[in-house]
Amino acid sequence: MKIYLSASFILIFSLIISCSEEKPDYPVVQTGEISRIDDKNVIFTARILNNTGKINEYGFKWFTSTPMYADDPYLVSYASEPKGDYFESHISSSMKSGVSYFLQAFVKTSSGISYGRVVTFEGLGSEATVVSGFKPDTVSAGGNLTIWGKNFGYRKSDVAAWCMNTDFTQGMGLTVNKKTNDTILLTLPGAISFTTGYLRISITGTQYSLPGLIHFKSK
């Protein structure tokens, strides 16, 4: 027995099926393939497939182990809403040649965070770190100072900072509060043991001496 289906029946059936496939009530983000990579830069890409509300933050996280086992990711984020459904990031640091990385895009709303798929790639290297200077040059105990430059990396735990007095017999550690690829925000301890010194930082194990003296004041 042959069964014939009319075009109208097929159309109605298709509409019923499509209506039953409800879209999720959260944004869906897709991690794109690496669009360019060389020994100095890499470009991450992503696309938002289902933007259901205002996005407060977006960006990328990447890891040297699979994300489910990583608690200290590299991170680049933007505290704003992307312009359109596509976004990308040009990364010029935190890449080691021959190391495998696991990349995920993310978007954040007031309801939570959505992650994209994991994309694996192998690093080819990064641009050199440049440490340019710091401000202010006089800081009170417990106060903040900022170092600027470029290619500082994207993971706070890769940075350490300290000061040495002028005859290099005393030192004190500084707290790394926040960092971006071109700035590092530091906080002095509440008690200081010398008034003039030199500022030093370490980024992924490489030490840098900042030019000029820094002066400290007690509260």
C-alpha atoms as a PDB file:
ATOM      1  CA  MET A   1       0.000   0.000   0.000  1.00  0.00           C
ATOM      2  CA  LYS A   2       1.384   3.351  -0.985  1.00  0.00           C
ATOM      3  CA  ILE A   3       1.017   6.366   1.260  1.00  0.00           C
ATOM      4  CA  TYR A   4       1.001   9.844  -0.254  1.00  0.00           C
ATOM      5  CA  LEU A   5       1.605  12.943   1.865  1.00  0.00           C
ATOM      6  CA  SER A   6       0.387  16.271   0.669  1.00  0.00           C
ATOM      7  CA  ALA A   7       2.662  19.299   0.646  1.00  0.00           C
ATOM      8  CA  SER A   8       0.415  21.061   3.172  1.00  0.00           C
ATOM      9  CA  PHE A   9       0.689  18.126   5.614  1.00  0.00           C
ATOM     10  CA  ILE A  10       4.495  18.139   5.341  1.00  0.00           C
ATOM     11  CA  LEU A  11       4.601  21.908   5.967  1.00  0.00           C
ATOM     12  CA  ILE A  12       2.381  21.652   9.071  1.00  0.00           C
ATOM     13  CA  PHE A  13       4.416  18.720  10.409  1.00  0.00           C
ATOM     14  CA  SER A  14       7.679  20.666   9.919  1.00  0.00           C
ATOM     15  CA  LEU A  15       6.262  23.667  11.768  1.00  0.00           C
ATOM     16  CA  ILE A  16       5.243  21.484  14.713  1.00  0.00           C
ATOM     17  CA  ILE A  17       8.742  19.971  14.918  1.00  0.00           C
ATOM     18  CA  SER A  18      10.492  23.367  14.680  1.00  0.00           C
ATOM     19  CA  CYS A  19       8.256  24.888  17.364  1.00  0.00           C
ATOM     20  CA  SER A  20       8.985  22.018  19.725  1.00  0.00           C
ATOM     21  CA  GLU A  21      12.755  22.675  19.488  1.00  0.00           C
ATOM     22  CA  GLU A  22      12.922  25.565  21.896  1.00  0.00           C
ATOM     23  CA  LYS A  23      16.060  27.689  21.991  1.00  0.00           C
ATOM     24  CA  PRO A  24      17.952  27.812  25.307  1.00  0.00           C
ATOM     25  CA  ASP A  25      17.303  30.832  27.533  1.00  0.00           C
ATOM     26  CA  TYR A  26      21.024  31.578  27.879  1.00  0.00           C
ATOM     27  CA  PRO A  27      23.598  32.802  25.357  1.00  0.00           C
ATOM     28  CA  VAL A  28      25.381  30.150  23.323  1.00  0.00           C
ATOM     29  CA  VAL A  29      28.977  30.919  22.335  1.00  0.00           C
ATOM     30  CA  GLN A  30      31.073  28.994  19.836  1.00  0.00           C
ATOM     31  CA  THR A  31      34.872  28.995  20.123  1.00  0.00           C
ATOM     32  CA  GLY A  32      36.250  29.495  16.617  1.00  0.00           C
ATOM     33  CA  GLU A  33      39.336  28.032  15.040  1.00  0.00           C
ATOM     34  CA  ILE A  34      42.629  29.890  15.408  1.00  0.00           C
ATOM     35  CA  SER A  35      42.585  32.412  12.560  1.00  0.00           C
ATOM     36  CA  ARG A  36      46.311  33.209  12.624  1.00  0.00           C
ATOM     37  CA  ILE A  37      49.345  32.011  14.557  1.00  0.00           C
ATOM     38  CA  ASP A  38      53.076  32.687  14.276  1.00  0.00           C
ATOM     39  CA  ASP A  39      56.070  33.066  16.586  1.00  0.00           C
ATOM     40  CA  LYS A  40      54.810  36.430  17.924  1.00  0.00           C
ATOM     41  CA  ASN A  41      51.012  36.484  17.839  1.00  0.00           C
ATOM     42  CA  VAL A  42      47.902  34.356  17.804  1.00  0.00           C
ATOM     43  CA  ILE A  43      44.320  35.417  17.082  1.00  0.00           C
ATOM     44  CA  PHE A  44      41.413  33.834  18.987  1.00  0.00           C
ATOM     45  CA  THR A  45      37.913  34.027  17.500  1.00  0.00           C
ATOM     46  CA  ALA A  46      34.384  33.317  18.713  1.00  0.00           C
ATOM     47  CA  ARG A  47      30.771  33.775  17.689  1.00  0.00           C
ATOM     48  CA  ILE A  48      27.619  34.196  19.783  1.00  0.00           C
ATOM     49  CA  LEU A  49      24.879  31.961  18.357  1.00  0.00           C
ATOM     50  CA  ASN A  50      22.020  32.755  20.700  1.00  0.00           C
ATOM     51  CA  ASN A  51      22.234  36.133  22.414  1.00  0.00           C
ATOM     52  CA  THR A  52      19.380  36.113  24.899  1.00  0.00           C
ATOM     53  CA  GLY A  53      20.273  39.095  27.059  1.00  0.00           C
ATOM     54  CA  LYS A  54      22.778  41.758  27.938  1.00  0.00           C
ATOM     55  CA  ILE A  55      26.328  40.408  28.092  1.00  0.00           C
ATOM     56  CA  ASN A  56      28.379  41.947  30.908  1.00  0.00           C
ATOM     57  CA  GLU A  57      31.732  40.359  30.093  1.00  0.00           C
ATOM     58  CA  TYR A  58      33.257  38.217  27.362  1.00  0.00           C
ATOM     59  CA  GLY A  59      36.618  36.835  26.352  1.00  0.00           C
ATOM     60  CA  PHE A  60      38.791  33.739  26.291  1.00  0.00           C
ATOM     61  CA  LYS A  61      40.412  31.357  28.739  1.00  0.00           C
ATOM     62  CA  TRP A  62      43.177  28.976  27.805  1.00  0.00           C
ATOM     63  CA  PHE A  63      45.028  26.252  29.651  1.00  0.00           C
ATOM     64  CA  THR A  64      47.980  23.887  29.374  1.00  0.00           C
ATOM     65  CA  SER A  65      45.789  21.058  30.670  1.00  0.00           C
ATOM     66  CA  THR A  66      42.190  20.240  29.832  1.00  0.00           C
ATOM     67  CA  PRO A  67      39.855  22.895  31.314  1.00  0.00           C
ATOM     68  CA  MET A  68      38.086  20.548  33.710  1.00  0.00           C
ATOM     69  CA  TYR A  69      41.379  20.011  35.568  1.00  0.00           C
ATOM     70  CA  ALA A  70      42.715  23.587  35.406  1.00  0.00           C
ATOM     71  CA  ASP A  71      42.168  26.122  38.188  1.00  0.00           C
ATOM     72  CA  ASP A  72      44.611  28.828  37.061  1.00  0.00           C
ATOM     73  CA  PRO A  73      43.794  29.744  33.466  1.00  0.00           C
ATOM     74  CA  TYR A  74      45.277  32.350  31.196  1.00  0.00           C
ATOM     75  CA  LEU A  75      42.572  34.960  30.755  1.00  0.00           C
ATOM     76  CA  VAL A  76      41.731  37.857  28.480  1.00  0.00           C
ATOM     77  CA  SER A  77      38.355  39.484  29.168  1.00  0.00           C
ATOM     78  CA  TYR A  78      36.411  42.611  28.320  1.00  0.00           C
ATOM     79  CA  ALA A  79      33.955  44.105  30.809  1.00  0.00           C
ATOM     80  CA  SER A  80      31.479  45.243  28.177  1.00  0.00           C
ATOM     81  CA  GLU A  81      29.081  43.947  25.542  1.00  0.00           C
ATOM     82  CA  PRO A  82      30.619  42.796  22.227  1.00  0.00           C
ATOM     83  CA  LYS A  83      29.784  44.771  19.107  1.00  0.00           C
ATOM     84  CA  GLY A  84      27.778  42.207  17.201  1.00  0.00           C
ATOM     85  CA  ASP A  85      27.859  38.430  17.390  1.00  0.00           C
ATOM     86  CA  TYR A  86      31.552  38.000  16.513  1.00  0.00           C
ATOM     87  CA  PHE A  87      34.566  38.829  18.671  1.00  0.00           C
ATOM     88  CA  GLU A  88      38.285  38.121  18.596  1.00  0.00           C
ATOM     89  CA  SER A  89      41.477  38.768  20.574  1.00  0.00           C
ATOM     90  CA  HIS A  90      45.041  39.327  19.380  1.00  0.00           C
ATOM     91  CA  ILE A  91      47.366  37.618  21.871  1.00  0.00           C
ATOM     92  CA  SER A  92      51.040  38.651  21.895  1.00  0.00           C
ATOM     93  CA  SER A  93      52.285  36.948  25.076  1.00  0.00           C
ATOM     94  CA  SER A  94      51.868  33.847  27.292  1.00  0.00           C
ATOM     95  CA  MET A  95      52.598  31.506  24.404  1.00  0.00           C
ATOM     96  CA  LYS A  96      55.483  29.035  24.537  1.00  0.00           C
ATOM     97  CA  SER A  97      56.741  27.290  21.446  1.00  0.00           C
ATOM     98  CA  GLY A  98      55.856  23.619  21.272  1.00  0.00           C
ATOM     99  CA  VAL A  99      53.347  23.739  24.156  1.00  0.00           C
ATOM    100  CA  SER A 100      49.781  22.520  23.594  1.00  0.00           C
ATOM    101  CA  TYR A 101      46.974  24.802  24.762  1.00  0.00           C
ATOM    102  CA  PHE A 102      43.242  24.305  25.292  1.00  0.00           C
ATOM    103  CA  LEU A 103      41.118  27.351  24.411  1.00  0.00           C
ATOM    104  CA  GLN A 104      37.541  28.250  25.384  1.00  0.00           C
ATOM    105  CA  ALA A 105      35.535  31.357  24.603  1.00  0.00           C
ATOM    106  CA  PHE A 106      33.067  32.587  27.225  1.00  0.00           C
ATOM    107  CA  VAL A 107      30.308  35.139  27.716  1.00  0.00           C
ATOM    108  CA  LYS A 108      28.916  36.288  31.053  1.00  0.00           C
ATOM    109  CA  THR A 109      25.473  37.662  31.871  1.00  0.00           C
ATOM    110  CA  SER A 110      23.677  38.367  35.140  1.00  0.00           C
ATOM    111  CA  SER A 111      22.416  34.767  35.010  1.00  0.00           C
ATOM    112  CA  GLY A 112      25.791  33.046  34.707  1.00  0.00           C
ATOM    113  CA  ILE A 113      28.629  32.127  32.346  1.00  0.00           C
ATOM    114  CA  SER A 114      28.422  30.204  29.069  1.00  0.00           C
ATOM    115  CA  TYR A 115      31.493  28.469  27.644  1.00  0.00           C
ATOM    116  CA  GLY A 116      32.192  27.409  24.099  1.00  0.00           C
ATOM    117  CA  ARG A 117      33.766  24.212  22.880  1.00  0.00           C
ATOM    118  CA  VAL A 118      37.438  23.472  23.552  1.00  0.00           C
ATOM    119  CA  VAL A 119      39.845  24.195  20.687  1.00  0.00           C
ATOM    120  CA  THR A 120      43.359  22.748  20.900  1.00  0.00           C
ATOM    121  CA  PHE A 121      46.406  24.377  19.318  1.00  0.00           C
ATOM    122  CA  GLU A 122      50.187  24.410  19.686  1.00  0.00           C
ATOM    123  CA  GLY A 123      52.004  27.626  20.608  1.00  0.00           C
ATOM    124  CA  LEU A 124      54.757  29.023  18.398  1.00  0.00           C
ATOM    125  CA  GLY A 125      56.079  31.734  20.738  1.00  0.00           C
ATOM    126  CA  SER A 126      55.316  35.323  21.747  1.00  0.00           C
ATOM    127  CA  GLU A 127      56.663  38.838  21.518  1.00  0.00           C
ATOM    128  CA  ALA A 128      59.298  39.922  24.033  1.00  0.00           C
ATOM    129  CA  THR A 129      58.239  41.479  27.343  1.00  0.00           C
ATOM    130  CA  VAL A 130      58.977  45.204  27.674  1.00  0.00           C
ATOM    131  CA  VAL A 131      58.991  46.847  31.134  1.00  0.00           C
ATOM    132  CA  SER A 132      58.780  50.629  30.692  1.00  0.00           C
ATOM    133  CA  GLY A 133      58.282  52.249  34.105  1.00  0.00           C
ATOM    134  CA  PHE A 134      56.180  52.707  37.217  1.00  0.00           C
ATOM    135  CA  LYS A 135      54.170  55.380  39.012  1.00  0.00           C
ATOM    136  CA  PRO A 136      54.024  57.034  41.428  1.00  0.00           C
ATOM    137  CA  ASP A 137      57.644  57.192  42.545  1.00  0.00           C
ATOM    138  CA  THR A 138      56.624  57.888  46.162  1.00  0.00           C
ATOM    139  CA  VAL A 139      54.209  55.474  47.842  1.00  0.00           C
ATOM    140  CA  SER A 140      52.837  55.197  51.386  1.00  0.00           C
ATOM    141  CA  ALA A 141      52.821  51.920  53.300  1.00  0.00           C
ATOM    142  CA  GLY A 142      49.796  49.910  52.178  1.00  0.00           C
ATOM    143  CA  GLY A 143      49.485  52.044  49.033  1.00  0.00           C
ATOM    144  CA  ASN A 144      49.336  51.076  45.363  1.00  0.00           C
ATOM    145  CA  LEU A 145      51.640  51.548  42.419  1.00  0.00           C
ATOM    146  CA  THR A 146      51.359  50.644  38.749  1.00  0.00           C
ATOM    147  CA  ILE A 147      53.955  49.199  36.388  1.00  0.00           C
ATOM    148  CA  TRP A 148      53.423  49.690  32.673  1.00  0.00           C
ATOM    149  CA  GLY A 149      54.927  48.163  29.555  1.00  0.00           C
ATOM    150  CA  LYS A 150      53.730  45.457  27.170  1.00  0.00           C
ATOM    151  CA  ASN A 151      53.481  41.690  26.828  1.00  0.00           C
ATOM    152  CA  PHE A 152      53.194  41.006  30.565  1.00  0.00           C
ATOM    153  CA  GLY A 153      51.080  37.923  29.913  1.00  0.00           C
ATOM    154  CA  TYR A 154      47.555  36.873  30.849  1.00  0.00           C
ATOM    155  CA  ARG A 155      47.950  34.982  34.116  1.00  0.00           C
ATOM    156  CA  LYS A 156      48.413  36.783  37.436  1.00  0.00           C
ATOM    157  CA  SER A 157      50.207  33.877  39.075  1.00  0.00           C
ATOM    158  CA  ASP A 158      53.065  34.252  36.555  1.00  0.00           C
ATOM    159  CA  VAL A 159      54.032  37.607  38.132  1.00  0.00           C
ATOM    160  CA  ALA A 160      55.955  38.337  41.326  1.00  0.00           C
ATOM    161  CA  ALA A 161      57.195  41.719  42.573  1.00  0.00           C
ATOM    162  CA  TRP A 162      59.460  42.968  45.339  1.00  0.00           C
ATOM    163  CA  CYS A 163      61.639  45.924  46.390  1.00  0.00           C
ATOM    164  CA  MET A 164      65.265  46.007  47.512  1.00  0.00           C
ATOM    165  CA  ASN A 165      66.882  48.776  49.542  1.00  0.00           C
ATOM    166  CA  THR A 166      69.721  50.749  47.937  1.00  0.00           C
ATOM    167  CA  ASP A 167      72.528  48.577  49.373  1.00  0.00           C
ATOM    168  CA  PHE A 168      70.611  45.363  48.587  1.00  0.00           C
ATOM    169  CA  THR A 169      70.638  44.103  52.169  1.00  0.00           C
ATOM    170  CA  GLN A 170      66.860  44.198  52.709  1.00  0.00           C
ATOM    171  CA  GLY A 171      63.864  43.329  50.618  1.00  0.00           C
ATOM    172  CA  MET A 172      60.086  43.272  50.867  1.00  0.00           C
ATOM    173  CA  GLY A 173      57.511  41.512  48.771  1.00  0.00           C
ATOM    174  CA  LEU A 174      54.649  43.315  47.036  1.00  0.00           C
ATOM    175  CA  THR A 175      51.164  41.968  46.368  1.00  0.00           C
ATOM    176  CA  VAL A 176      50.057  41.607  42.752  1.00  0.00           C
ATOM    177  CA  ASN A 177      46.440  42.768  42.827  1.00  0.00           C
ATOM    178  CA  LYS A 178      45.595  42.966  39.162  1.00  0.00           C
ATOM    179  CA  LYS A 179      47.299  42.704  35.818  1.00  0.00           C
ATOM    180  CA  THR A 180      46.634  43.050  32.124  1.00  0.00           C
ATOM    181  CA  ASN A 181      48.967  42.486  29.212  1.00  0.00           C
ATOM    182  CA  ASP A 182      50.371  46.010  29.639  1.00  0.00           C
ATOM    183  CA  THR A 183      49.839  46.991  33.300  1.00  0.00           C
ATOM    184  CA  ILE A 184      50.487  45.474  36.722  1.00  0.00           C
ATOM    185  CA  LEU A 185      48.860  46.891  39.876  1.00  0.00           C
ATOM    186  CA  LEU A 186      50.876  46.309  43.065  1.00  0.00           C
ATOM    187  CA  THR A 187      50.198  46.954  46.757  1.00  0.00           C
ATOM    188  CA  LEU A 188      52.839  47.656  49.401  1.00  0.00           C
ATOM    189  CA  PRO A 189      52.774  45.932  52.790  1.00  0.00           C
ATOM    190  CA  GLY A 190      51.321  47.847  55.735  1.00  0.00           C
ATOM    191  CA  ALA A 191      54.729  48.135  57.405  1.00  0.00           C
ATOM    192  CA  ILE A 192      57.944  49.064  55.598  1.00  0.00           C
ATOM    193  CA  SER A 193      61.528  48.719  56.809  1.00  0.00           C
ATOM    194  CA  PHE A 194      63.345  51.147  54.474  1.00  0.00           C
ATOM    195  CA  THR A 195      62.480  54.393  52.708  1.00  0.00           C
ATOM    196  CA  THR A 196      64.229  54.170  49.348  1.00  0.00           C
ATOM    197  CA  GLY A 197      64.830  51.246  47.036  1.00  0.00           C
ATOM    198  CA  TYR A 198      64.666  49.561  43.663  1.00  0.00           C
ATOM    199  CA  LEU A 199      61.651  47.820  42.174  1.00  0.00           C
ATOM    200  CA  ARG A 200      61.970  44.321  40.699  1.00  0.00           C
ATOM    201  CA  ILE A 201      59.458  42.042  38.991  1.00  0.00           C
ATOM    202  CA  SER A 202      59.504  38.490  37.670  1.00  0.00           C
ATOM    203  CA  ILE A 203      57.310  37.363  34.760  1.00  0.00           C
ATOM    204  CA  THR A 204      57.214  33.620  34.040  1.00  0.00           C
ATOM    205  CA  GLY A 205      60.560  33.256  35.799  1.00  0.00           C
ATOM    206  CA  THR A 206      62.422  36.080  34.029  1.00  0.00           C
ATOM    207  CA  GLN A 207      63.474  38.984  36.280  1.00  0.00           C
ATOM    208  CA  TYR A 208      63.326  42.653  35.293  1.00  0.00           C
ATOM    209  CA  SER A 209      64.787  45.712  37.042  1.00  0.00           C
ATOM    210  CA  LEU A 210      62.774  48.889  36.737  1.00  0.00           C
ATOM    211  CA  PRO A 211      64.646  52.150  36.131  1.00  0.00           C
ATOM    212  CA  GLY A 212      64.806  54.772  38.880  1.00  0.00           C
ATOM    213  CA  LEU A 213      64.367  54.784  42.643  1.00  0.00           C
ATOM    214  CA  ILE A 214      61.105  54.322  44.507  1.00  0.00           C
ATOM    215  CA  HIS A 215      60.489  56.121  47.805  1.00  0.00           C
ATOM    216  CA  PHE A 216      58.331  54.890  50.682  1.00  0.00           C
ATOM    217  CA  LYS A 217      56.483  56.741  53.418  1.00  0.00           C
ATOM    218  CA  SER A 218      55.050  55.391  56.644  1.00  0.00           C
ATOM    219  CA  LYS A 219      51.355  55.954  57.262  1.00  0.00           C
END
